[in-house]
Amino acid sequence: MSAADQAAAPARPGLHGPCLAVALAVMLGGTLYPPLFAGADGHADHRFAMALFWAMSAGFVRGVGFVPRPRWARALFSPAAVLIALGLAAALKLG
């Protein structure tokens, strides 16, 4: 890990409410209504589920205040990644 990676990560980021709210919504939605993850044919839509689970994972990681030190992990679990994953899930579900 380089000094730039360590310097770029905030020391105490705190909770991130919007990310945590998205993660909780995806978790509760999938728990209460599992057919959400099914396609029109009734089978599991794995691409859609992957996108939603990425949004949920990134939302939980950033939402509880954890910011990874490596740049690639910060990008993968950032608030922007939550939006990208939700957009991908919406595009897969609607398209």
N, C-alpha and C. Protein backbone atom coordinates (compact mmCIF):
# COMPACT_ATOMS: atom_id res chain seq x y z
N MET A 1 0.85 -1.16 0.00
CA MET A 1 0.00 0.00 0.00
C MET A 1 0.90 1.23 0.00
N SER A 2 0.61 2.14 -0.88
CA SER A 2 1.45 3.33 -1.00
C SER A 2 0.99 4.41 -0.02
N ALA A 3 1.86 5.39 0.16
CA ALA A 3 1.52 6.51 1.04
C ALA A 3 0.35 7.31 0.49
N ALA A 4 0.23 7.36 -0.85
CA ALA A 4 -0.89 8.09 -1.46
C ALA A 4 -2.22 7.44 -1.12
N ASP A 5 -2.25 6.09 -1.11
CA ASP A 5 -3.48 5.38 -0.76
C ASP A 5 -3.88 5.68 0.68
N GLN A 6 -2.91 5.68 1.59
CA GLN A 6 -3.21 5.94 2.99
C GLN A 6 -3.63 7.39 3.21
N ALA A 7 -3.00 8.31 2.51
CA ALA A 7 -3.31 9.73 2.70
C ALA A 7 -4.68 10.09 2.15
N ALA A 8 -5.12 9.39 1.09
CA ALA A 8 -6.37 9.75 0.44
C ALA A 8 -7.59 9.26 1.23
N ALA A 9 -7.43 8.25 2.06
CA ALA A 9 -8.56 7.72 2.82
C ALA A 9 -8.83 8.61 4.03
N PRO A 10 -10.09 9.05 4.22
CA PRO A 10 -10.40 9.87 5.38
C PRO A 10 -10.18 9.08 6.67
N ALA A 11 -9.76 9.78 7.72
CA ALA A 11 -9.46 9.13 8.99
C ALA A 11 -10.73 8.63 9.68
N ARG A 12 -11.77 9.45 9.74
CA ARG A 12 -13.01 9.08 10.42
C ARG A 12 -14.19 9.54 9.58
N PRO A 13 -14.60 8.75 8.61
CA PRO A 13 -15.67 9.20 7.71
C PRO A 13 -17.06 9.23 8.34
N GLY A 14 -17.37 8.37 9.28
CA GLY A 14 -18.70 8.35 9.88
C GLY A 14 -19.73 7.67 9.01
N LEU A 15 -20.95 7.61 9.50
CA LEU A 15 -22.04 6.97 8.76
C LEU A 15 -22.39 7.77 7.51
N HIS A 16 -22.84 7.06 6.49
CA HIS A 16 -23.31 7.69 5.26
C HIS A 16 -24.75 7.23 5.06
N GLY A 17 -25.68 8.05 5.49
CA GLY A 17 -27.10 7.70 5.51
C GLY A 17 -27.69 7.22 4.21
N PRO A 18 -27.48 7.94 3.08
CA PRO A 18 -28.08 7.48 1.83
C PRO A 18 -27.61 6.09 1.40
N CYS A 19 -26.33 5.81 1.55
CA CYS A 19 -25.82 4.49 1.18
C CYS A 19 -26.41 3.41 2.08
N LEU A 20 -26.47 3.69 3.36
CA LEU A 20 -27.03 2.73 4.30
C LEU A 20 -28.52 2.51 4.02
N ALA A 21 -29.23 3.55 3.65
CA ALA A 21 -30.66 3.42 3.33
C ALA A 21 -30.87 2.55 2.10
N VAL A 22 -30.04 2.73 1.08
CA VAL A 22 -30.14 1.89 -0.12
C VAL A 22 -29.88 0.44 0.23
N ALA A 23 -28.83 0.19 1.01
CA ALA A 23 -28.49 -1.18 1.38
C ALA A 23 -29.63 -1.84 2.16
N LEU A 24 -30.19 -1.12 3.10
CA LEU A 24 -31.30 -1.67 3.89
C LEU A 24 -32.53 -1.90 3.03
N ALA A 25 -32.81 -0.99 2.09
CA ALA A 25 -33.97 -1.15 1.21
C ALA A 25 -33.82 -2.38 0.31
N VAL A 26 -32.64 -2.58 -0.25
CA VAL A 26 -32.41 -3.76 -1.10
C VAL A 26 -32.52 -5.03 -0.26
N MET A 27 -31.94 -5.02 0.93
CA MET A 27 -31.99 -6.19 1.80
C MET A 27 -33.43 -6.53 2.18
N LEU A 28 -34.18 -5.53 2.62
CA LEU A 28 -35.56 -5.78 3.02
C LEU A 28 -36.44 -6.13 1.83
N GLY A 29 -36.23 -5.46 0.70
CA GLY A 29 -37.01 -5.77 -0.50
C GLY A 29 -36.81 -7.19 -0.97
N GLY A 30 -35.56 -7.64 -0.99
CA GLY A 30 -35.28 -9.01 -1.40
C GLY A 30 -35.76 -10.04 -0.40
N THR A 31 -35.76 -9.68 0.88
CA THR A 31 -36.22 -10.60 1.92
C THR A 31 -37.74 -10.73 1.91
N LEU A 32 -38.43 -9.61 1.78
CA LEU A 32 -39.89 -9.62 1.83
C LEU A 32 -40.54 -10.01 0.51
N TYR A 33 -39.84 -9.80 -0.61
CA TYR A 33 -40.42 -10.11 -1.92
C TYR A 33 -39.36 -10.76 -2.81
N PRO A 34 -39.05 -12.04 -2.58
CA PRO A 34 -38.01 -12.72 -3.37
C PRO A 34 -38.27 -12.77 -4.88
N PRO A 35 -39.53 -12.78 -5.35
CA PRO A 35 -39.72 -12.77 -6.81
C PRO A 35 -39.13 -11.54 -7.50
N LEU A 36 -38.72 -10.55 -6.72
CA LEU A 36 -38.05 -9.38 -7.28
C LEU A 36 -36.84 -9.80 -8.12
N PHE A 37 -36.18 -10.88 -7.70
CA PHE A 37 -34.96 -11.33 -8.38
C PHE A 37 -35.23 -12.28 -9.54
N ALA A 38 -36.49 -12.50 -9.87
CA ALA A 38 -36.84 -13.39 -10.97
C ALA A 38 -37.11 -12.59 -12.23
N GLY A 39 -36.82 -13.21 -13.35
CA GLY A 39 -37.10 -12.59 -14.63
C GLY A 39 -38.55 -12.84 -15.03
N ALA A 40 -38.90 -12.42 -16.24
CA ALA A 40 -40.26 -12.58 -16.73
C ALA A 40 -40.63 -14.06 -16.88
N ASP A 41 -39.64 -14.91 -17.11
CA ASP A 41 -39.90 -16.34 -17.27
C ASP A 41 -40.00 -17.09 -15.94
N GLY A 42 -39.80 -16.38 -14.83
CA GLY A 42 -39.91 -17.00 -13.52
C GLY A 42 -38.61 -17.56 -12.97
N HIS A 43 -37.56 -17.57 -13.78
CA HIS A 43 -36.26 -18.05 -13.32
C HIS A 43 -35.44 -16.90 -12.75
N ALA A 44 -34.45 -17.24 -11.98
CA ALA A 44 -33.60 -16.23 -11.35
C ALA A 44 -32.89 -15.39 -12.41
N ASP A 45 -32.91 -14.09 -12.25
CA ASP A 45 -32.19 -13.17 -13.12
C ASP A 45 -30.87 -12.84 -12.44
N HIS A 46 -29.83 -13.59 -12.79
CA HIS A 46 -28.56 -13.49 -12.09
C HIS A 46 -27.85 -12.16 -12.33
N ARG A 47 -27.96 -11.60 -13.51
CA ARG A 47 -27.31 -10.31 -13.77
C ARG A 47 -27.96 -9.20 -12.94
N PHE A 48 -29.28 -9.20 -12.87
CA PHE A 48 -30.00 -8.21 -12.06
C PHE A 48 -29.66 -8.38 -10.58
N ALA A 49 -29.66 -9.63 -10.12
CA ALA A 49 -29.33 -9.90 -8.71
C ALA A 49 -27.91 -9.46 -8.40
N MET A 50 -26.97 -9.71 -9.32
CA MET A 50 -25.58 -9.30 -9.09
C MET A 50 -25.48 -7.79 -8.94
N ALA A 51 -26.17 -7.05 -9.80
CA ALA A 51 -26.13 -5.59 -9.73
C ALA A 51 -26.75 -5.09 -8.42
N LEU A 52 -27.87 -5.67 -8.02
CA LEU A 52 -28.49 -5.25 -6.76
C LEU A 52 -27.64 -5.62 -5.56
N PHE A 53 -27.03 -6.79 -5.59
CA PHE A 53 -26.18 -7.20 -4.47
C PHE A 53 -24.91 -6.37 -4.40
N TRP A 54 -24.42 -5.91 -5.54
CA TRP A 54 -23.28 -4.99 -5.53
C TRP A 54 -23.69 -3.67 -4.86
N ALA A 55 -24.87 -3.17 -5.25
CA ALA A 55 -25.37 -1.93 -4.63
C ALA A 55 -25.55 -2.11 -3.13
N MET A 56 -26.09 -3.26 -2.73
CA MET A 56 -26.31 -3.52 -1.31
C MET A 56 -24.97 -3.62 -0.57
N SER A 57 -24.03 -4.34 -1.14
CA SER A 57 -22.72 -4.50 -0.49
C SER A 57 -22.00 -3.17 -0.35
N ALA A 58 -21.98 -2.42 -1.45
CA ALA A 58 -21.32 -1.11 -1.40
C ALA A 58 -22.03 -0.18 -0.43
N GLY A 59 -23.35 -0.27 -0.39
CA GLY A 59 -24.12 0.56 0.53
C GLY A 59 -23.83 0.24 1.98
N PHE A 60 -23.72 -1.04 2.30
CA PHE A 60 -23.39 -1.41 3.68
C PHE A 60 -21.96 -1.02 4.05
N VAL A 61 -21.02 -1.27 3.14
CA VAL A 61 -19.62 -0.96 3.45
C VAL A 61 -19.45 0.53 3.71
N ARG A 62 -19.93 1.36 2.80
CA ARG A 62 -19.78 2.81 2.98
C ARG A 62 -20.77 3.36 3.99
N GLY A 63 -21.95 2.77 4.04
CA GLY A 63 -22.98 3.26 4.93
C GLY A 63 -22.63 3.20 6.40
N VAL A 64 -21.89 2.17 6.80
CA VAL A 64 -21.51 2.05 8.21
C VAL A 64 -20.25 2.85 8.53
N GLY A 65 -19.68 3.49 7.52
CA GLY A 65 -18.55 4.37 7.76
C GLY A 65 -17.20 3.81 7.41
N PHE A 66 -17.16 2.62 6.81
CA PHE A 66 -15.87 2.03 6.45
C PHE A 66 -15.46 2.54 5.07
N VAL A 67 -14.24 3.04 4.97
CA VAL A 67 -13.68 3.46 3.69
C VAL A 67 -12.38 2.68 3.50
N PRO A 68 -12.35 1.76 2.54
CA PRO A 68 -11.14 0.95 2.33
C PRO A 68 -9.95 1.82 1.94
N ARG A 69 -8.76 1.35 2.23
CA ARG A 69 -7.56 2.10 1.89
C ARG A 69 -7.15 1.96 0.43
N PRO A 70 -7.17 0.76 -0.15
CA PRO A 70 -6.77 0.66 -1.56
C PRO A 70 -7.75 1.41 -2.47
N ARG A 71 -7.21 2.07 -3.46
CA ARG A 71 -8.06 2.87 -4.36
C ARG A 71 -9.11 2.03 -5.05
N TRP A 72 -8.72 0.83 -5.52
CA TRP A 72 -9.68 -0.01 -6.24
C TRP A 72 -10.86 -0.38 -5.34
N ALA A 73 -10.59 -0.63 -4.07
CA ALA A 73 -11.67 -0.99 -3.14
C ALA A 73 -12.53 0.22 -2.80
N ARG A 74 -11.90 1.40 -2.68
CA ARG A 74 -12.68 2.62 -2.44
C ARG A 74 -13.62 2.88 -3.61
N ALA A 75 -13.14 2.62 -4.83
CA ALA A 75 -13.99 2.83 -6.01
C ALA A 75 -15.13 1.81 -6.04
N LEU A 76 -14.83 0.56 -5.71
CA LEU A 76 -15.83 -0.51 -5.77
C LEU A 76 -16.92 -0.35 -4.72
N PHE A 77 -16.59 0.27 -3.58
CA PHE A 77 -17.54 0.42 -2.48
C PHE A 77 -17.86 1.88 -2.17
N SER A 78 -17.82 2.74 -3.17
CA SER A 78 -18.07 4.17 -2.98
C SER A 78 -19.56 4.48 -3.16
N PRO A 79 -19.98 5.68 -2.74
CA PRO A 79 -21.36 6.09 -3.01
C PRO A 79 -21.66 6.13 -4.51
N ALA A 80 -20.68 6.49 -5.32
CA ALA A 80 -20.90 6.48 -6.77
C ALA A 80 -21.13 5.06 -7.28
N ALA A 81 -20.45 4.09 -6.69
CA ALA A 81 -20.65 2.70 -7.08
C ALA A 81 -22.06 2.23 -6.75
N VAL A 82 -22.60 2.72 -5.65
CA VAL A 82 -23.98 2.38 -5.29
C VAL A 82 -24.93 2.87 -6.38
N LEU A 83 -24.74 4.11 -6.82
CA LEU A 83 -25.60 4.66 -7.88
C LEU A 83 -25.41 3.93 -9.20
N ILE A 84 -24.17 3.62 -9.54
CA ILE A 84 -23.90 2.89 -10.79
C ILE A 84 -24.56 1.52 -10.75
N ALA A 85 -24.42 0.82 -9.64
CA ALA A 85 -25.02 -0.51 -9.51
C ALA A 85 -26.54 -0.45 -9.56
N LEU A 86 -27.13 0.56 -8.93
CA LEU A 86 -28.59 0.71 -9.00
C LEU A 86 -29.04 1.03 -10.42
N GLY A 87 -28.28 1.88 -11.10
CA GLY A 87 -28.60 2.19 -12.49
C GLY A 87 -28.50 0.97 -13.38
N LEU A 88 -27.47 0.17 -13.17
CA LEU A 88 -27.31 -1.07 -13.93
C LEU A 88 -28.46 -2.02 -13.65
N ALA A 89 -28.85 -2.15 -12.39
CA ALA A 89 -29.97 -3.02 -12.04
C ALA A 89 -31.26 -2.54 -12.69
N ALA A 90 -31.49 -1.23 -12.67
CA ALA A 90 -32.70 -0.69 -13.30
C ALA A 90 -32.69 -0.93 -14.80
N ALA A 91 -31.53 -0.73 -15.43
CA ALA A 91 -31.43 -0.97 -16.87
C ALA A 91 -31.67 -2.43 -17.21
N LEU A 92 -31.15 -3.33 -16.39
CA LEU A 92 -31.35 -4.76 -16.64
C LEU A 92 -32.81 -5.17 -16.42
N LYS A 93 -33.45 -4.59 -15.42
CA LYS A 93 -34.83 -4.96 -15.12
C LYS A 93 -35.80 -4.39 -16.15
N LEU A 94 -35.54 -3.16 -16.58
CA LEU A 94 -36.46 -2.50 -17.51
C LEU A 94 -36.16 -2.81 -18.96
N GLY A 95 -34.94 -3.23 -19.24
CA GLY A 95 -34.52 -3.42 -20.62
C GLY A 95 -34.62 -4.78 -21.11
